[in-house]
Amino acid sequence: MESVSPSYRGHRCPVEVISHCVWLYHRFPLSFREVEELMLQRGVIVSYETVRRWCAKFGQAYANGLRRRRPRPGERWHLDEVFIKINGEHKYLWRAVDQDDNVPDVLVQNRRDKAAARRFFRRLMKKTGTVPRVVVTDKLRSYGAAHREVMPSVEHRSHQGLNNQAENSHQLTRQCERAMKGFRSIGGAQRFLSASSGISPRFRPHRHLMTAPDHRAEMTIRFAIRDQITGAPGRPATV
């Protein structure tokens, strides 16, 4: 599916600088100041505030473009929720991960009761336009109650040991949370996590299952897709 790259009208910096800064911030657990320093090391002078504005403007657009270019979510979804601190208060991050480690969606909510689980189920089906064959969750009873109401025909497996895939997906969130010294608002957390979950997993293939040449070839393809989505000119091959 072809996608229209975002408009950079009014921006003085080249597209490749903007897209690279946004990619760095959402791919790795970096602060805006650390992205500024990495770019300075490469001879590009850009302030951390400018990086922040670029990420706010283009991060979700890049994530949406990458989501459109990947295959539909797999037939097995792993769902999990984890608490995050926002201004000192406990909120809950709900995350779905398919069997290929793609993240169809994330949602920050105040609670983890039946209503919250039901809201997340409905949001997932609406956003992906599909229904899984199997849903795997931990033993939180909210999942079972919402599952019976929203998707009763879908097989539900509830077992703590089966859900490591979703739990492992939270690790990058924890790293980013530390780098950012916590989230400031629910809206800010939702925007950041939604963009990051659409960008970061796309550049983390199953490295342990690949040979080095295969990994480099796969990453080259994924970088080319990123350049198409962002509108950045392709990079020349290096020896």
Protein backbone atom coordinates (compact mmCIF):
# COMPACT_ATOMS: atom_id res chain seq x y z
CA MET A 1 0.00 0.00 0.00
CA GLU A 2 1.39 3.38 -1.01
CA SER A 3 1.39 6.09 1.62
CA VAL A 4 1.77 9.84 1.29
CA SER A 5 4.77 11.17 3.21
CA PRO A 6 4.13 13.96 5.74
CA SER A 7 4.43 17.58 4.70
CA TYR A 8 7.62 19.33 5.83
CA ARG A 9 6.60 22.74 4.58
CA GLY A 10 8.07 25.49 6.74
CA HIS A 11 10.88 23.32 8.14
CA ARG A 12 14.39 24.46 7.33
CA CYS A 13 16.17 21.22 8.25
CA PRO A 14 16.44 18.48 5.61
CA VAL A 15 13.89 15.68 5.76
CA GLU A 16 16.58 13.10 6.51
CA VAL A 17 17.64 15.01 9.65
CA ILE A 18 14.07 15.29 10.93
CA SER A 19 13.19 11.67 10.23
CA HIS A 20 16.44 10.41 11.76
CA CYS A 21 15.93 12.36 14.99
CA VAL A 22 12.36 11.09 15.33
CA TRP A 23 13.52 7.54 14.61
CA LEU A 24 16.31 7.74 17.20
CA TYR A 25 13.96 9.00 19.91
CA HIS A 26 11.30 6.35 19.34
CA ARG A 27 13.62 3.46 18.51
CA PHE A 28 15.95 3.73 21.54
CA PRO A 29 15.43 4.78 25.17
CA LEU A 30 16.91 8.26 24.65
CA SER A 31 16.03 11.67 25.99
CA PHE A 32 15.68 14.69 23.70
CA ARG A 33 19.00 16.02 24.97
CA GLU A 34 20.71 12.72 24.15
CA VAL A 35 19.35 12.85 20.60
CA GLU A 36 20.68 16.42 20.37
CA GLU A 37 24.12 15.20 21.46
CA LEU A 38 24.15 12.30 19.01
CA MET A 39 23.32 14.64 16.16
CA LEU A 40 26.00 17.11 17.27
CA GLN A 41 28.56 14.30 17.13
CA ARG A 42 27.58 13.90 13.48
CA GLY A 43 27.99 17.61 12.83
CA VAL A 44 24.28 18.50 12.87
CA ILE A 45 23.31 21.32 15.23
CA VAL A 46 19.73 20.98 16.45
CA SER A 47 18.25 21.83 19.85
CA TYR A 48 16.47 19.31 22.05
CA GLU A 49 13.35 21.50 21.93
CA THR A 50 13.32 21.24 18.15
CA VAL A 51 13.64 17.46 18.45
CA ARG A 52 10.70 17.46 20.85
CA ARG A 53 8.54 19.40 18.39
CA TRP A 54 9.49 17.10 15.52
CA CYS A 55 8.61 14.01 17.55
CA ALA A 56 5.27 15.49 18.56
CA LYS A 57 4.43 16.41 14.96
CA PHE A 58 5.78 13.47 12.99
CA GLY A 59 6.12 10.53 15.41
CA GLN A 60 2.56 9.25 15.11
CA ALA A 61 2.50 9.84 11.35
CA TYR A 62 5.61 7.69 10.91
CA ALA A 63 4.16 5.00 13.19
CA ASN A 64 0.90 4.95 11.23
CA GLY A 65 2.79 4.65 7.97
CA LEU A 66 4.82 1.71 9.25
CA ARG A 67 1.69 0.00 10.57
CA ARG A 68 0.04 0.30 7.15
CA ARG A 69 3.05 -1.32 5.49
CA ARG A 70 3.23 -4.36 7.74
CA PRO A 71 1.06 -7.48 7.41
CA ARG A 72 -2.22 -7.75 9.26
CA PRO A 73 -1.86 -8.81 12.91
CA GLY A 74 -1.42 -12.52 13.46
CA GLU A 75 -4.15 -14.83 14.67
CA ARG A 76 -2.83 -15.03 18.24
CA TRP A 77 -2.84 -11.91 20.39
CA HIS A 78 -1.07 -11.62 23.74
CA LEU A 79 -2.60 -8.99 26.01
CA ASP A 80 -1.12 -7.59 29.19
CA GLU A 81 -1.38 -4.54 31.40
CA VAL A 82 1.29 -2.90 33.53
CA PHE A 83 1.20 0.08 35.84
CA ILE A 84 3.05 3.26 34.93
CA LYS A 85 3.49 6.38 37.02
CA ILE A 86 2.15 9.65 35.64
CA ASN A 87 2.77 12.65 37.88
CA GLY A 88 3.15 10.29 40.81
CA GLU A 89 -0.16 8.50 40.20
CA HIS A 90 -0.56 4.89 39.13
CA LYS A 91 -2.15 4.39 35.71
CA TYR A 92 -2.29 1.27 33.57
CA LEU A 93 -0.75 0.65 30.17
CA TRP A 94 -2.66 -1.99 28.18
CA ARG A 95 -0.71 -3.60 25.37
CA ALA A 96 -1.44 -6.15 22.66
CA VAL A 97 1.32 -8.12 20.93
CA ASP A 98 0.81 -10.71 18.19
CA GLN A 99 2.87 -13.87 17.74
CA ASP A 100 5.34 -12.00 15.51
CA ASP A 101 5.99 -9.34 18.18
CA ASN A 102 4.07 -6.66 16.29
CA VAL A 103 2.15 -4.29 18.56
CA PRO A 104 -1.34 -3.61 17.15
CA ASP A 105 -2.14 -1.01 19.81
CA VAL A 106 -1.53 0.33 23.30
CA LEU A 107 -3.89 2.21 25.58
CA VAL A 108 -3.27 4.14 28.82
CA GLN A 109 -6.21 3.95 31.24
CA ASN A 110 -6.98 4.81 34.84
CA ARG A 111 -8.17 1.33 35.80
CA ARG A 112 -7.81 -2.33 34.96
CA ASP A 113 -11.39 -3.45 35.55
CA LYS A 114 -13.91 -5.04 33.18
CA ALA A 115 -14.85 -1.70 31.59
CA ALA A 116 -11.19 -0.95 30.83
CA ALA A 117 -10.62 -4.41 29.35
CA ARG A 118 -13.79 -4.11 27.27
CA ARG A 119 -12.71 -0.70 25.97
CA PHE A 120 -9.33 -2.09 24.96
CA PHE A 121 -10.84 -5.12 23.18
CA ARG A 122 -13.17 -2.92 21.15
CA ARG A 123 -10.43 -0.44 20.32
CA LEU A 124 -8.19 -3.28 19.09
CA MET A 125 -10.83 -4.74 16.79
CA LYS A 126 -11.75 -1.33 15.40
CA LYS A 127 -8.15 -0.29 14.80
CA THR A 128 -6.99 -3.57 13.22
CA GLY A 129 -10.23 -4.40 11.43
CA THR A 130 -9.83 -8.03 12.41
CA VAL A 131 -10.60 -10.55 15.15
CA PRO A 132 -7.94 -12.97 16.41
CA ARG A 133 -8.36 -16.72 16.65
CA VAL A 134 -6.80 -16.87 20.13
CA VAL A 135 -6.37 -14.29 22.89
CA VAL A 136 -3.75 -15.03 25.56
CA THR A 137 -3.87 -13.14 28.86
CA ASP A 138 -2.79 -13.48 32.45
CA LYS A 139 -5.29 -14.47 35.14
CA LEU A 140 -6.78 -11.00 35.64
CA ARG A 141 -10.52 -11.70 35.78
CA SER A 142 -11.35 -8.49 33.91
CA TYR A 143 -10.12 -10.13 30.71
CA GLY A 144 -12.47 -13.08 31.02
CA ALA A 145 -15.50 -10.89 31.74
CA ALA A 146 -14.78 -8.54 28.83
CA HIS A 147 -13.94 -11.44 26.51
CA ARG A 148 -17.29 -13.13 27.09
CA GLU A 149 -19.07 -9.89 26.26
CA VAL A 150 -17.06 -8.54 23.32
CA MET A 151 -15.57 -11.56 21.50
CA PRO A 152 -17.19 -14.75 22.84
CA SER A 153 -16.32 -16.78 19.71
CA VAL A 154 -12.58 -16.20 20.20
CA GLU A 155 -10.61 -18.78 22.16
CA HIS A 156 -9.31 -17.34 25.44
CA ARG A 157 -6.26 -18.83 27.11
CA SER A 158 -5.61 -17.50 30.58
CA HIS A 159 -2.26 -18.57 31.98
CA GLN A 160 0.56 -16.55 33.51
CA GLY A 161 3.30 -18.60 31.87
CA LEU A 162 1.89 -18.25 28.35
CA ASN A 163 2.01 -14.46 28.30
CA ASN A 164 5.75 -13.78 28.43
CA GLN A 165 5.61 -12.31 24.92
CA ALA A 166 3.46 -9.38 26.05
CA GLU A 167 5.30 -8.98 29.33
CA ASN A 168 8.67 -8.80 27.56
CA SER A 169 7.28 -6.08 25.30
CA HIS A 170 6.95 -3.82 28.35
CA GLN A 171 10.72 -3.75 28.90
CA LEU A 172 11.40 -0.97 26.40
CA THR A 173 8.61 1.08 28.00
CA ARG A 174 10.36 0.82 31.35
CA GLN A 175 13.66 1.89 29.79
CA CYS A 176 12.04 4.89 28.11
CA GLU A 177 10.22 5.77 31.32
CA ARG A 178 13.56 5.99 33.13
CA ALA A 179 15.19 8.00 30.33
CA MET A 180 12.29 10.47 30.37
CA LYS A 181 12.18 10.55 34.20
CA GLY A 182 8.52 9.59 34.08
CA PHE A 183 5.52 10.70 32.07
CA ARG A 184 3.87 14.06 32.73
CA SER A 185 0.31 13.42 31.53
CA ILE A 186 -1.95 10.63 30.30
CA GLY A 187 -2.20 12.27 26.89
CA GLY A 188 1.56 12.66 26.60
CA ALA A 189 2.14 9.06 27.64
CA GLN A 190 -0.46 7.79 25.16
CA ARG A 191 1.03 9.78 22.27
CA PHE A 192 4.59 8.68 23.01
CA LEU A 193 3.78 5.01 23.61
CA SER A 194 1.50 4.79 20.59
CA ALA A 195 4.20 6.19 18.31
CA SER A 196 7.00 4.13 19.85
CA SER A 197 5.01 0.89 19.65
CA GLY A 198 4.54 1.51 15.93
CA ILE A 199 8.19 2.38 15.25
CA SER A 200 10.50 0.49 17.60
CA PRO A 201 9.29 -3.12 17.01
CA ARG A 202 9.68 -2.67 13.26
CA PHE A 203 13.44 -2.31 13.74
CA ARG A 204 13.85 -5.19 16.16
CA PRO A 205 13.63 -8.38 14.08
CA HIS A 206 14.35 -11.72 15.70
CA ARG A 207 18.11 -11.21 15.55
CA HIS A 208 18.88 -14.46 17.40
CA LEU A 209 17.14 -16.45 14.64
CA MET A 210 19.11 -14.82 11.78
CA THR A 211 22.59 -15.01 10.39
CA ALA A 212 24.48 -11.72 10.26
CA PRO A 213 24.04 -11.30 6.46
CA ASP A 214 20.32 -12.07 6.71
CA HIS A 215 19.93 -9.56 9.54
CA ARG A 216 21.70 -6.83 7.57
CA ALA A 217 19.57 -7.56 4.51
CA GLU A 218 16.36 -7.44 6.53
CA MET A 219 17.33 -4.18 8.22
CA THR A 220 18.23 -2.65 4.85
CA ILE A 221 14.71 -3.44 3.62
CA ARG A 222 13.14 -1.96 6.73
CA PHE A 223 15.22 1.21 6.49
CA ALA A 224 14.16 1.57 2.84
CA ILE A 225 10.51 1.29 3.88
CA ARG A 226 11.09 3.92 6.56
CA ASP A 227 12.62 6.27 3.98
CA GLN A 228 9.62 5.79 1.69
CA ILE A 229 7.21 6.58 4.50
CA THR A 230 9.07 9.63 5.78
CA GLY A 231 9.99 10.94 2.34
CA ALA A 232 13.70 10.95 3.17
CA PRO A 233 16.09 10.29 0.27
CA GLY A 234 17.59 6.83 0.26
CA ARG A 235 21.07 6.36 1.65
CA PRO A 236 23.87 5.14 -0.60
CA ALA A 237 25.24 1.70 0.10
CA THR A 238 28.51 1.50 2.00
CA VAL A 239 31.27 -1.07 1.79
